[in-house]
N, C-alpha and C. Protein backbone atom coordinates (compact mmCIF):
# COMPACT_ATOMS: atom_id res chain seq x y z
N MET A 1 -170.69 -67.00 36.23
CA MET A 1 -169.33 -67.24 35.80
C MET A 1 -168.79 -66.05 35.00
N ALA A 2 -169.62 -65.43 34.19
CA ALA A 2 -169.17 -64.29 33.40
C ALA A 2 -168.78 -63.13 34.31
N LYS A 3 -169.51 -62.97 35.42
CA LYS A 3 -169.20 -61.89 36.35
C LYS A 3 -167.82 -62.12 36.97
N LYS A 4 -167.54 -63.38 37.36
CA LYS A 4 -166.23 -63.69 37.94
C LYS A 4 -165.13 -63.38 36.94
N ARG A 5 -165.32 -63.84 35.72
CA ARG A 5 -164.30 -63.64 34.69
C ARG A 5 -164.11 -62.15 34.42
N SER A 6 -165.20 -61.39 34.41
CA SER A 6 -165.13 -59.96 34.13
C SER A 6 -164.31 -59.24 35.21
N ALA A 7 -164.59 -59.53 36.47
CA ALA A 7 -163.85 -58.87 37.56
C ALA A 7 -162.39 -59.27 37.53
N LEU A 8 -162.12 -60.54 37.28
CA LEU A 8 -160.74 -61.03 37.24
C LEU A 8 -159.98 -60.40 36.07
N GLU A 9 -160.60 -60.33 34.91
CA GLU A 9 -159.95 -59.74 33.74
C GLU A 9 -159.68 -58.25 33.96
N ARG A 10 -160.63 -57.56 34.60
CA ARG A 10 -160.47 -56.13 34.87
C ARG A 10 -159.24 -55.89 35.76
N VAL A 11 -159.07 -56.73 36.78
CA VAL A 11 -157.93 -56.58 37.68
C VAL A 11 -156.63 -56.98 36.98
N ARG A 12 -156.66 -58.07 36.22
CA ARG A 12 -155.45 -58.51 35.50
C ARG A 12 -155.00 -57.49 34.45
N ASN A 13 -155.95 -56.88 33.76
CA ASN A 13 -155.61 -55.95 32.69
C ASN A 13 -155.03 -54.63 33.18
N ASN A 14 -155.34 -54.26 34.40
CA ASN A 14 -154.84 -52.99 34.92
C ASN A 14 -154.51 -53.12 36.40
N PRO A 15 -153.50 -53.92 36.75
CA PRO A 15 -153.21 -54.18 38.17
C PRO A 15 -152.68 -52.96 38.94
N LYS A 16 -152.24 -51.95 38.23
CA LYS A 16 -151.72 -50.76 38.92
C LYS A 16 -152.82 -49.77 39.30
N ASN A 17 -154.03 -50.03 38.85
CA ASN A 17 -155.14 -49.11 39.13
C ASN A 17 -156.35 -49.88 39.65
N VAL A 18 -156.15 -50.59 40.76
CA VAL A 18 -157.20 -51.41 41.35
C VAL A 18 -157.62 -50.79 42.68
N THR A 19 -158.92 -50.70 42.89
CA THR A 19 -159.43 -50.15 44.15
C THR A 19 -159.75 -51.28 45.12
N ALA A 20 -159.97 -50.91 46.36
CA ALA A 20 -160.35 -51.89 47.38
C ALA A 20 -161.68 -52.53 47.02
N LYS A 21 -162.58 -51.78 46.45
CA LYS A 21 -163.89 -52.31 46.04
C LYS A 21 -163.71 -53.37 44.95
N ASP A 22 -162.80 -53.15 44.00
CA ASP A 22 -162.52 -54.15 42.96
C ASP A 22 -162.04 -55.46 43.58
N LEU A 23 -161.12 -55.36 44.52
CA LEU A 23 -160.58 -56.57 45.16
C LEU A 23 -161.62 -57.25 46.04
N GLN A 24 -162.44 -56.46 46.70
CA GLN A 24 -163.51 -57.03 47.53
C GLN A 24 -164.45 -57.85 46.65
N GLU A 25 -164.85 -57.30 45.52
CA GLU A 25 -165.74 -58.01 44.59
C GLU A 25 -165.08 -59.29 44.09
N LEU A 26 -163.81 -59.20 43.73
CA LEU A 26 -163.09 -60.36 43.21
C LEU A 26 -162.99 -61.46 44.27
N LEU A 27 -162.60 -61.11 45.48
CA LEU A 27 -162.47 -62.10 46.54
C LEU A 27 -163.81 -62.75 46.87
N GLU A 28 -164.86 -61.98 46.93
CA GLU A 28 -166.18 -62.53 47.23
C GLU A 28 -166.65 -63.46 46.11
N ASP A 29 -166.30 -63.12 44.86
CA ASP A 29 -166.64 -64.00 43.72
C ASP A 29 -165.99 -65.37 43.85
N TYR A 30 -164.82 -65.42 44.46
CA TYR A 30 -164.09 -66.68 44.59
C TYR A 30 -164.20 -67.30 45.99
N GLY A 31 -165.25 -66.95 46.72
CA GLY A 31 -165.59 -67.66 47.94
C GLY A 31 -165.04 -67.10 49.23
N PHE A 32 -164.37 -65.97 49.20
CA PHE A 32 -163.89 -65.36 50.44
C PHE A 32 -165.03 -64.58 51.07
N ASN A 33 -165.07 -64.59 52.38
CA ASN A 33 -166.10 -63.87 53.12
C ASN A 33 -165.48 -62.72 53.88
N TYR A 34 -166.15 -61.58 53.82
CA TYR A 34 -165.74 -60.42 54.60
C TYR A 34 -165.96 -60.75 56.07
N ARG A 35 -164.92 -60.64 56.87
CA ARG A 35 -165.04 -60.97 58.29
C ARG A 35 -165.17 -59.73 59.15
N ASN A 36 -164.28 -58.80 58.98
CA ASN A 36 -164.34 -57.59 59.79
C ASN A 36 -163.34 -56.57 59.26
N ALA A 37 -163.40 -55.41 59.84
CA ALA A 37 -162.43 -54.36 59.53
C ALA A 37 -161.55 -54.19 60.75
N SER A 38 -160.28 -53.98 60.49
CA SER A 38 -159.33 -53.75 61.57
C SER A 38 -158.58 -52.47 61.23
N GLY A 39 -158.91 -51.41 61.93
CA GLY A 39 -158.31 -50.12 61.58
C GLY A 39 -158.83 -49.69 60.22
N ASP A 40 -157.92 -49.53 59.26
CA ASP A 40 -158.34 -49.15 57.91
C ASP A 40 -158.14 -50.30 56.92
N HIS A 41 -158.34 -51.54 57.39
CA HIS A 41 -158.17 -52.72 56.55
C HIS A 41 -159.42 -53.60 56.60
N TYR A 42 -159.76 -54.18 55.44
CA TYR A 42 -160.78 -55.21 55.36
C TYR A 42 -160.08 -56.55 55.50
N ILE A 43 -160.71 -57.49 56.16
CA ILE A 43 -160.15 -58.83 56.31
C ILE A 43 -161.13 -59.83 55.69
N PHE A 44 -160.61 -60.66 54.78
CA PHE A 44 -161.40 -61.67 54.10
C PHE A 44 -160.85 -63.04 54.43
N LYS A 45 -161.75 -64.00 54.65
CA LYS A 45 -161.32 -65.35 55.01
C LYS A 45 -162.05 -66.37 54.15
N LYS A 46 -161.34 -67.48 53.91
CA LYS A 46 -161.92 -68.63 53.22
C LYS A 46 -161.27 -69.86 53.83
N GLU A 47 -162.08 -70.87 54.10
CA GLU A 47 -161.54 -72.09 54.69
C GLU A 47 -160.47 -72.69 53.79
N GLY A 48 -159.34 -73.05 54.39
CA GLY A 48 -158.24 -73.64 53.65
C GLY A 48 -157.26 -72.63 53.11
N HIS A 49 -157.52 -71.33 53.33
CA HIS A 49 -156.63 -70.27 52.87
C HIS A 49 -156.37 -69.32 54.02
N ARG A 50 -155.23 -68.69 53.99
CA ARG A 50 -154.92 -67.73 55.04
C ARG A 50 -155.75 -66.46 54.83
N PRO A 51 -156.00 -65.70 55.88
CA PRO A 51 -156.78 -64.46 55.74
C PRO A 51 -156.06 -63.47 54.82
N ILE A 52 -156.85 -62.70 54.08
CA ILE A 52 -156.31 -61.67 53.19
C ILE A 52 -156.76 -60.33 53.72
N THR A 53 -155.82 -59.42 53.84
CA THR A 53 -156.09 -58.09 54.36
C THR A 53 -155.92 -57.07 53.24
N ILE A 54 -156.91 -56.19 53.10
CA ILE A 54 -156.87 -55.15 52.06
C ILE A 54 -157.01 -53.78 52.73
N PRO A 55 -156.09 -52.86 52.46
CA PRO A 55 -156.22 -51.50 53.00
C PRO A 55 -157.27 -50.72 52.20
N TYR A 56 -158.44 -50.48 52.78
CA TYR A 56 -159.50 -49.84 52.02
C TYR A 56 -159.31 -48.34 51.84
N SER A 57 -158.42 -47.73 52.59
CA SER A 57 -158.20 -46.29 52.43
C SER A 57 -157.13 -45.99 51.38
N GLN A 58 -156.48 -47.02 50.86
CA GLN A 58 -155.43 -46.84 49.87
C GLN A 58 -156.00 -47.02 48.47
N ASN A 59 -155.94 -45.97 47.66
CA ASN A 59 -156.41 -46.06 46.28
C ASN A 59 -155.39 -45.41 45.36
N PRO A 60 -154.86 -46.10 44.40
CA PRO A 60 -155.07 -47.51 44.13
C PRO A 60 -154.31 -48.39 45.12
N ILE A 61 -154.69 -49.66 45.15
CA ILE A 61 -154.05 -50.63 46.02
C ILE A 61 -152.64 -50.90 45.51
N ALA A 62 -151.70 -51.08 46.43
CA ALA A 62 -150.30 -51.36 46.06
C ALA A 62 -150.22 -52.59 45.16
N LEU A 63 -149.35 -52.52 44.17
CA LEU A 63 -149.22 -53.58 43.17
C LEU A 63 -148.87 -54.93 43.80
N PHE A 64 -148.03 -54.95 44.83
CA PHE A 64 -147.65 -56.23 45.43
C PHE A 64 -148.84 -56.92 46.08
N ILE A 65 -149.79 -56.16 46.60
CA ILE A 65 -150.99 -56.74 47.20
C ILE A 65 -151.87 -57.34 46.11
N VAL A 66 -152.03 -56.61 45.02
CA VAL A 66 -152.84 -57.10 43.89
C VAL A 66 -152.24 -58.39 43.33
N LYS A 67 -150.92 -58.42 43.14
CA LYS A 67 -150.26 -59.61 42.61
C LYS A 67 -150.44 -60.81 43.54
N GLU A 68 -150.34 -60.57 44.83
CA GLU A 68 -150.51 -61.65 45.81
C GLU A 68 -151.93 -62.21 45.74
N ILE A 69 -152.91 -61.35 45.63
CA ILE A 69 -154.31 -61.80 45.55
C ILE A 69 -154.55 -62.55 44.25
N LEU A 70 -153.95 -62.10 43.15
CA LEU A 70 -154.09 -62.81 41.88
C LEU A 70 -153.49 -64.21 41.96
N GLN A 71 -152.39 -64.36 42.68
CA GLN A 71 -151.79 -65.68 42.86
C GLN A 71 -152.73 -66.60 43.65
N VAL A 72 -153.37 -66.07 44.67
CA VAL A 72 -154.32 -66.86 45.45
C VAL A 72 -155.50 -67.28 44.57
N ILE A 73 -156.02 -66.36 43.78
CA ILE A 73 -157.14 -66.66 42.88
C ILE A 73 -156.73 -67.73 41.87
N ASP A 74 -155.51 -67.63 41.33
CA ASP A 74 -155.02 -68.63 40.38
C ASP A 74 -154.96 -70.01 41.02
N SER A 75 -154.54 -70.07 42.29
CA SER A 75 -154.47 -71.37 42.96
C SER A 75 -155.87 -71.94 43.19
N ILE A 76 -156.85 -71.08 43.42
CA ILE A 76 -158.23 -71.54 43.59
C ILE A 76 -158.77 -72.07 42.25
N ILE A 77 -158.46 -71.39 41.17
CA ILE A 77 -158.91 -71.82 39.85
C ILE A 77 -158.33 -73.17 39.48
N GLU A 78 -157.07 -73.41 39.86
CA GLU A 78 -156.39 -74.68 39.55
C GLU A 78 -156.97 -75.85 40.33
N GLU A 79 -157.60 -75.60 41.48
CA GLU A 79 -158.13 -76.68 42.33
C GLU A 79 -159.26 -77.40 41.69
């Protein structure tokens, strides 16, 4: 649980400087599974949620993508 909180806090505290590896770790902590890569994107899936695509060649990740993923994580925490 501390690992999950640590990754989530790291992303929340600095959402403008998040790497694809940070988001991959965060999504896997909350039950998403890496499915495949499509071009230069990672695709993560979790039952009951739509697939999430992360551009792994983009560093840092665009803020709107980070915010969207944080909203998904918040909805999982509320469940």
